[in-house]
């Protein structure tokens, strides 16, 4: 499972709306979020840190 799949799994588990996940990851639109979920785009360090801080869940 790659990071995008883990993020989506955690988002669904915690009930976080997709638009809010875009805000957490500082994304401009949901198309970019879809590309992260499918593994086409990798997260930068800032985005990884923000995800872990907000969800209090590890990525790996």
C-alpha atoms as a PDB file:
ATOM      1  CA  UNK A   1       0.000   0.000   0.000  1.00  0.00           C
ATOM      2  CA  UNK A   2       1.506   3.336  -0.986  1.00  0.00           C
ATOM      3  CA  UNK A   3       1.185   6.580   0.966  1.00  0.00           C
ATOM      4  CA  UNK A   4      -1.762   7.864  -1.090  1.00  0.00           C
ATOM      5  CA  UNK A   5      -3.775   4.767  -0.287  1.00  0.00           C
ATOM      6  CA  UNK A   6      -2.880   5.053   3.404  1.00  0.00           C
ATOM      7  CA  UNK A   7      -3.998   8.675   3.431  1.00  0.00           C
ATOM      8  CA  UNK A   8      -7.322   7.813   1.799  1.00  0.00           C
ATOM      9  CA  UNK A   9      -7.867   4.905   4.169  1.00  0.00           C
ATOM     10  CA  UNK A  10      -7.184   7.106   7.193  1.00  0.00           C
ATOM     11  CA  UNK A  11      -9.397   9.887   5.796  1.00  0.00           C
ATOM     12  CA  UNK A  12     -12.313   7.490   5.436  1.00  0.00           C
ATOM     13  CA  UNK A  13     -11.695   5.888   8.821  1.00  0.00           C
ATOM     14  CA  UNK A  14     -11.714   9.265  10.596  1.00  0.00           C
ATOM     15  CA  UNK A  15     -14.585  10.674   8.513  1.00  0.00           C
ATOM     16  CA  UNK A  16     -12.603  13.629   7.197  1.00  0.00           C
ATOM     17  CA  UNK A  17     -14.234  15.198   4.107  1.00  0.00           C
ATOM     18  CA  UNK A  18     -12.103  15.255   0.948  1.00  0.00           C
ATOM     19  CA  UNK A  19     -12.184  19.074   0.813  1.00  0.00           C
ATOM     20  CA  UNK A  20     -10.771  19.244   4.335  1.00  0.00           C
ATOM     21  CA  UNK A  21      -7.989  16.824   3.406  1.00  0.00           C
ATOM     22  CA  UNK A  22      -7.134  19.177   0.536  1.00  0.00           C
ATOM     23  CA  UNK A  23      -6.818  21.993   3.082  1.00  0.00           C
ATOM     24  CA  UNK A  24      -4.671  19.853   5.406  1.00  0.00           C
ATOM     25  CA  UNK A  25      -2.307  18.965   2.560  1.00  0.00           C
ATOM     26  CA  UNK A  26      -2.335  22.535   1.142  1.00  0.00           C
ATOM     27  CA  UNK A  27      -3.720  21.400  -2.208  1.00  0.00           C
ATOM     28  CA  UNK A  28      -5.409  23.767  -4.621  1.00  0.00           C
ATOM     29  CA  UNK A  29      -8.042  21.300  -5.858  1.00  0.00           C
ATOM     30  CA  UNK A  30      -9.437  17.808  -5.510  1.00  0.00           C
ATOM     31  CA  UNK A  31      -7.891  16.687  -8.802  1.00  0.00           C
ATOM     32  CA  UNK A  32      -4.465  16.944  -7.202  1.00  0.00           C
ATOM     33  CA  UNK A  33      -5.755  14.965  -4.220  1.00  0.00           C
ATOM     34  CA  UNK A  34      -6.988  12.244  -6.591  1.00  0.00           C
ATOM     35  CA  UNK A  35      -3.523  12.099  -8.158  1.00  0.00           C
ATOM     36  CA  UNK A  36      -1.972  11.660  -4.692  1.00  0.00           C
ATOM     37  CA  UNK A  37      -4.433   8.866  -3.882  1.00  0.00           C
ATOM     38  CA  UNK A  38      -3.471   6.995  -7.051  1.00  0.00           C
ATOM     39  CA  UNK A  39       0.256   7.492  -6.484  1.00  0.00           C
ATOM     40  CA  UNK A  40       0.847   9.767  -9.479  1.00  0.00           C
ATOM     41  CA  UNK A  41       2.112  12.570  -7.222  1.00  0.00           C
ATOM     42  CA  UNK A  42       4.245  12.159  -4.110  1.00  0.00           C
ATOM     43  CA  UNK A  43       3.756  14.256  -0.983  1.00  0.00           C
ATOM     44  CA  UNK A  44       6.460  16.664   0.054  1.00  0.00           C
ATOM     45  CA  UNK A  45       7.796  16.726   3.608  1.00  0.00           C
ATOM     46  CA  UNK A  46       5.457  19.560   4.709  1.00  0.00           C
ATOM     47  CA  UNK A  47       2.389  17.629   3.540  1.00  0.00           C
ATOM     48  CA  UNK A  48       3.514  14.461   5.311  1.00  0.00           C
ATOM     49  CA  UNK A  49       4.098  16.364   8.549  1.00  0.00           C
ATOM     50  CA  UNK A  50       0.703  18.120   8.365  1.00  0.00           C
ATOM     51  CA  UNK A  51      -1.074  14.810   7.760  1.00  0.00           C
ATOM     52  CA  UNK A  52       0.573  13.175  10.783  1.00  0.00           C
ATOM     53  CA  UNK A  53      -0.071  16.203  13.033  1.00  0.00           C
ATOM     54  CA  UNK A  54      -3.754  16.491  12.121  1.00  0.00           C
ATOM     55  CA  UNK A  55      -4.661  12.794  12.068  1.00  0.00           C
ATOM     56  CA  UNK A  56      -2.235  11.642  14.774  1.00  0.00           C
ATOM     57  CA  UNK A  57      -1.623   8.530  12.650  1.00  0.00           C
ATOM     58  CA  UNK A  58       1.656   7.319  11.130  1.00  0.00           C
ATOM     59  CA  UNK A  59       2.082   7.167   7.376  1.00  0.00           C
ATOM     60  CA  UNK A  60       4.362   4.153   7.320  1.00  0.00           C
END
